[in-house]
Structures are given as C-alpha cells and as structure tokens.
Amino acid sequence: MKELQFVKDGIVHIIKLISILFISDNLHSQGTTVWKGVKMNKRQKNWGKENVVVKDSWINPLQKYAEGKILSILNEYRIEGILRLIHEQQIRTSHPISPGNKVNNSTHFLQALLAHHERGSYYLQVLSRIITEPVGDLITEFSCLGELLVAFLDYVVAHKEAVKIAHVLHHDMSLLNFILACKQGQTRSDH
C-alpha cells in the first residue's frame, strides 16, 4: 500500500492510499488519477477513520482558477455540498543529475530531459495534487432513482450558491466530480 506525506500547520500528515477510484484514459486530458485514502497525522497513534480523496492531475500553473483555488474559495464561503480542500501542492521529483535536489514535475522539466529529441510545441503544465474530504461513492453507484434525484437537486443548490454567494462557476461537471456523500453521522442508507 502506497503512502504519501504532507505538512500542514507544522504537523506531518500521512495518507495510506487504499484504492484507485479513477484513471484518465484520454490522451488529451489532464492525466487525472484519483485515489481513495485514509489520513492520520504523526500525533495520532492509530490510523484514523478520516477518509480522503487524493487527485493528481496536470494543470496550467498560469490558470487563475485551477480546481484547488476554486475549492478553497468555496470552502472559505462555506458553501454546503462542496468537498473540503485539505491540502494542495505541486508534485516535486528528484532532479536526474542531482538527486538531492527536488524540482517541480512539469512539462518544461520533461521537455528539457528530452533535449536530444526534436523539440516541438507543448503546453506548460505542472503535476498538481489536491487532497479533499469527505469521500463518497461516485454518482454511478446510486442505489435508487430517489437517491439520484436528491443528489442532483443537492448539486443544483450547491452550484447555485457557489455562483450567487462566492461568484464561482465550477468548470468541470464530469461524472467524477459528482460524489454521493452524506452529512456527518449519516449513512447513505438513512436517505
């Protein structure tokens, strides 16, 4: 089982990746990979039950409103029904010539490594990771038509509030971004 670490507010957090939820199969996409994981911090002795989603994707670093920024704005305005952003970072990798040095994993870096090949045009992208909660089931896992209809109603209300209150319109309404999640203390069978 793979583990990831990140530091937030001086606390080291560890995420055990449990399963892959999604891998993009589109050659001209953001190369998205999404995992389900469990998060704990170094101060805890046992693995907690704090489920998280870890999403890696290639993004344009010059884009003003990438997904992490949108989530942070919506969280700041406390828009209900929106995933809570726990952490966002650019993925760093060891430099091939100087392994002790870390560099951002970017298409610019990859292009430089392929210097002996013909240089063509490319888009500047960086590998970004966002960690969110709560974890729910994909919308395709709905149990009955009623649950699906309630979920879509919740999405409409959440996105209406996002536009009205936070002045943010989410730009990626794919099935992967529709999650069946419950309020704390509830289960999907309570619906």
Protein backbone atom coordinates (compact mmCIF):
# COMPACT_ATOMS: atom_id res chain seq x y z
CA MET A 1 0.00 0.00 0.00
CA LYS A 2 1.44 3.37 -1.03
CA GLU A 3 1.80 6.18 1.49
CA LEU A 4 2.00 9.94 0.94
CA GLN A 5 3.12 12.65 3.35
CA PHE A 6 2.45 16.37 3.56
CA VAL A 7 3.00 19.04 6.20
CA LYS A 8 0.23 21.43 7.18
CA ASP A 9 0.41 23.89 10.09
CA GLY A 10 3.63 22.21 11.25
CA ILE A 11 2.00 18.77 11.52
CA VAL A 12 3.13 15.86 9.34
CA HIS A 13 0.13 14.08 7.84
CA ILE A 14 0.33 10.60 6.32
CA ILE A 15 -2.15 9.19 3.83
CA LYS A 16 -2.42 5.48 3.12
CA LEU A 17 -3.78 5.03 -0.38
CA ILE A 18 -6.42 2.28 -0.33
CA SER A 19 -7.74 2.05 -3.87
CA ILE A 20 -7.79 3.76 -7.24
CA LEU A 21 -11.11 5.43 -7.97
CA PHE A 22 -10.29 6.69 -11.45
CA ILE A 23 -7.52 6.87 -14.04
CA SER A 24 -7.99 9.07 -17.09
CA ASP A 25 -7.92 7.10 -20.31
CA ASN A 26 -7.97 10.17 -22.54
CA LEU A 27 -4.68 11.06 -24.22
CA HIS A 28 -5.56 14.77 -24.41
CA SER A 29 -6.84 15.21 -20.86
CA GLN A 30 -5.23 16.35 -17.64
CA GLY A 31 -3.92 12.84 -16.98
CA THR A 32 -6.01 12.61 -13.84
CA THR A 33 -5.54 9.82 -11.31
CA VAL A 34 -7.76 9.66 -8.23
CA TRP A 35 -7.27 7.50 -5.13
CA LYS A 36 -9.27 6.83 -2.00
CA GLY A 37 -7.14 7.01 1.14
CA VAL A 38 -7.09 7.24 4.93
CA LYS A 39 -5.40 10.19 6.65
CA MET A 40 -3.67 10.45 10.01
CA ASN A 41 -1.07 12.77 11.50
CA LYS A 42 2.13 11.96 13.36
CA ARG A 43 0.47 12.85 16.68
CA GLN A 44 -2.09 10.05 16.30
CA LYS A 45 -1.07 6.52 17.30
CA ASN A 46 -3.53 4.59 15.14
CA TRP A 47 -4.91 5.12 11.67
CA GLY A 48 -7.97 7.31 11.94
CA LYS A 49 -11.15 6.91 10.03
CA GLU A 50 -10.70 10.18 8.16
CA ASN A 51 -11.26 9.13 4.56
CA VAL A 52 -9.85 11.38 1.88
CA VAL A 53 -9.60 11.62 -1.90
CA VAL A 54 -6.21 12.27 -3.47
CA LYS A 55 -6.35 13.67 -7.00
CA ASP A 56 -3.26 14.14 -9.19
CA SER A 57 -3.63 15.97 -12.49
CA TRP A 58 -1.62 18.09 -14.89
CA ILE A 59 -2.73 21.73 -14.68
CA ASN A 60 -1.79 25.03 -16.25
CA PRO A 61 0.15 26.87 -13.50
CA LEU A 62 -0.81 30.20 -15.05
CA GLN A 63 -4.54 29.48 -14.87
CA LYS A 64 -6.03 31.81 -12.27
CA TYR A 65 -8.74 29.42 -11.08
CA ALA A 66 -7.50 25.82 -11.05
CA GLU A 67 -9.53 23.28 -9.11
CA GLY A 68 -7.68 23.74 -5.80
CA LYS A 69 -8.20 27.51 -5.88
CA ILE A 70 -11.90 27.09 -6.70
CA LEU A 71 -12.36 24.66 -3.79
CA SER A 72 -10.53 26.98 -1.37
CA ILE A 73 -12.81 29.89 -2.35
CA LEU A 74 -15.96 27.77 -1.99
CA ASN A 75 -14.72 26.44 1.38
CA GLU A 76 -13.99 30.00 2.54
CA TYR A 77 -17.61 30.93 1.79
CA ARG A 78 -18.78 27.69 3.49
CA ILE A 79 -20.81 26.52 0.50
CA GLU A 80 -22.56 23.29 1.55
CA GLY A 81 -22.26 20.19 -0.59
CA ILE A 82 -18.74 21.02 -1.78
CA LEU A 83 -15.73 18.86 -0.95
CA ARG A 84 -13.44 20.34 1.73
CA LEU A 85 -9.94 21.07 0.45
CA ILE A 86 -7.40 19.70 2.94
CA HIS A 87 -4.20 20.35 1.00
CA GLU A 88 -2.93 21.38 -2.43
CA GLN A 89 0.62 21.12 -3.77
CA GLN A 90 2.68 20.80 -6.87
CA ILE A 91 4.34 17.38 -7.08
CA ARG A 92 8.11 17.51 -6.79
CA THR A 93 10.55 14.94 -8.09
CA SER A 94 14.28 14.29 -7.76
CA HIS A 95 16.49 16.02 -10.29
CA PRO A 96 18.05 13.32 -12.53
CA ILE A 97 21.55 14.84 -12.41
CA SER A 98 21.46 15.99 -8.79
CA PRO A 99 19.11 13.55 -6.94
CA GLY A 100 19.36 15.51 -3.68
CA ASN A 101 17.59 18.44 -5.31
CA LYS A 102 13.84 18.46 -5.86
CA VAL A 103 12.15 20.14 -8.82
CA ASN A 104 8.52 20.64 -9.75
CA ASN A 105 7.30 17.89 -12.04
CA SER A 106 6.41 19.90 -15.15
CA THR A 107 6.24 19.53 -18.90
CA HIS A 108 9.02 22.13 -19.10
CA PHE A 109 11.26 19.86 -16.99
CA LEU A 110 10.30 16.79 -19.04
CA GLN A 111 10.95 18.66 -22.30
CA ALA A 112 14.43 19.63 -21.04
CA LEU A 113 15.19 15.98 -20.27
CA LEU A 114 14.32 15.10 -23.86
CA ALA A 115 16.70 17.71 -25.28
CA HIS A 116 18.23 15.24 -27.74
CA HIS A 117 14.81 14.68 -29.35
CA GLU A 118 13.17 17.04 -31.79
CA ARG A 119 11.58 19.88 -29.87
CA GLY A 120 8.01 20.55 -30.77
CA SER A 121 5.46 22.84 -29.24
CA TYR A 122 4.00 21.83 -25.92
CA TYR A 123 1.78 23.25 -23.20
CA LEU A 124 3.36 24.23 -19.91
CA GLN A 125 1.71 22.01 -17.28
CA VAL A 126 2.64 21.08 -13.71
CA LEU A 127 1.64 17.96 -11.84
CA SER A 128 -0.70 19.07 -9.08
CA ARG A 129 -2.15 17.15 -6.14
CA ILE A 130 -5.26 18.07 -4.19
CA ILE A 131 -6.48 16.22 -1.11
CA THR A 132 -10.15 16.57 -0.22
CA GLU A 133 -12.82 15.18 2.09
CA PRO A 134 -15.45 13.78 2.53
CA VAL A 135 -15.20 10.68 0.46
CA GLY A 136 -18.35 9.36 -1.08
CA ASP A 137 -19.34 6.99 -3.80
CA LEU A 138 -19.31 8.03 -7.44
CA ILE A 139 -22.71 9.13 -8.72
CA THR A 140 -22.83 5.99 -10.84
CA GLU A 141 -23.17 3.94 -7.61
CA PHE A 142 -26.62 5.33 -6.73
CA SER A 143 -28.92 2.79 -5.07
CA CYS A 144 -32.27 4.00 -6.38
CA LEU A 145 -33.80 6.68 -8.56
CA GLY A 146 -34.81 8.72 -5.49
CA GLU A 147 -31.21 8.91 -4.28
CA LEU A 148 -30.05 10.01 -7.73
CA LEU A 149 -32.71 12.74 -7.95
CA VAL A 150 -31.93 14.06 -4.45
CA ALA A 151 -28.21 14.09 -5.30
CA PHE A 152 -28.82 16.13 -8.47
CA LEU A 153 -31.03 18.54 -6.53
CA ASP A 154 -28.22 18.97 -3.99
CA TYR A 155 -25.76 19.65 -6.83
CA VAL A 156 -28.01 22.29 -8.35
CA VAL A 157 -28.44 24.04 -4.98
CA ALA A 158 -24.69 23.88 -4.17
CA HIS A 159 -23.69 25.26 -7.58
CA LYS A 160 -26.36 27.96 -7.43
CA GLU A 161 -24.99 29.06 -4.04
CA ALA A 162 -21.43 28.92 -5.39
CA VAL A 163 -22.36 31.39 -8.13
CA LYS A 164 -24.64 33.57 -6.00
CA ILE A 165 -22.50 33.79 -2.85
CA ALA A 166 -18.91 33.12 -3.94
CA HIS A 167 -19.22 34.23 -7.59
CA VAL A 168 -17.61 30.97 -8.75
CA LEU A 169 -18.86 28.70 -11.52
CA HIS A 170 -17.34 25.23 -11.48
CA HIS A 171 -15.93 24.43 -14.90
CA ASP A 172 -15.65 20.62 -14.79
CA MET A 173 -19.01 18.93 -14.39
CA SER A 174 -17.82 15.41 -15.17
CA LEU A 175 -19.20 12.26 -13.54
CA LEU A 176 -16.02 12.00 -11.49
CA ASN A 177 -16.90 15.26 -9.74
CA PHE A 178 -20.37 14.08 -8.70
CA ILE A 179 -19.99 12.31 -5.36
CA LEU A 180 -22.71 10.74 -3.24
CA ALA A 181 -21.75 11.89 0.25
CA CYS A 182 -23.73 12.15 3.46
CA LYS A 183 -23.73 14.66 6.26
CA GLN A 184 -21.56 13.72 9.22
CA GLY A 185 -23.15 10.96 11.30
CA GLN A 186 -25.38 9.74 8.45
CA THR A 187 -25.06 6.84 6.06
CA ARG A 188 -26.44 6.53 2.55
CA SER A 189 -29.00 4.01 3.84
CA ASP A 190 -30.51 6.82 6.00
CA HIS A 191 -31.88 8.55 2.89
